[in-house]
């Protein structure tokens, strides 16, 4: 009889645990209809040898609480003859809002930047391509970069810019607004 009550107790505990433990959602499952893909050069006109940034961004709209994603550490993009394209570390930003009717809404942006330079003047285009991101296939629109040589242009004007920072000290990885 002792064995019988022990078995009942074990079965009761297993049943109680199974009723209280919810299955964990997949960490890297995304709804493709809730993701926008952005791909562009900033700036898109440079001089030979000058660096520009090419950004591949995935903008996720997430509804609900405790949604977390683990993006891949690196995404390779097509190479273009004449351009030197070097990947940099990806970054994330998160904006959360709450509406009493629709609940919590989070916009998560994961950006993969690339440092790009060209040594020769010309018009460079990365054609549209398909990429797999977190188990889902996305079509990425192309991006164009114009490299102009202003050294022979006698009408070229000098531009002086002043960058005003809201604080004196800025730390690596810190986001600041500058004007």
Foldseek 3Di string as FASTA:
>chain_A
DVVVVVVVVVVVVVVVVVVPDDDDDDQLDADVVQKDWDWEWVVQEEAAPDKIKIKIKIKGKDFDPDRHHDWDFDFDADDWPQKDKAKDTKDKDKDWDADPVRGIIMIMMIMIMIIMGGRDFDKTKRQWDWGAISNDIDIYHMYIHGHDHCPPPPPDDDDDDDKAWPDDDDDPPDDGDID
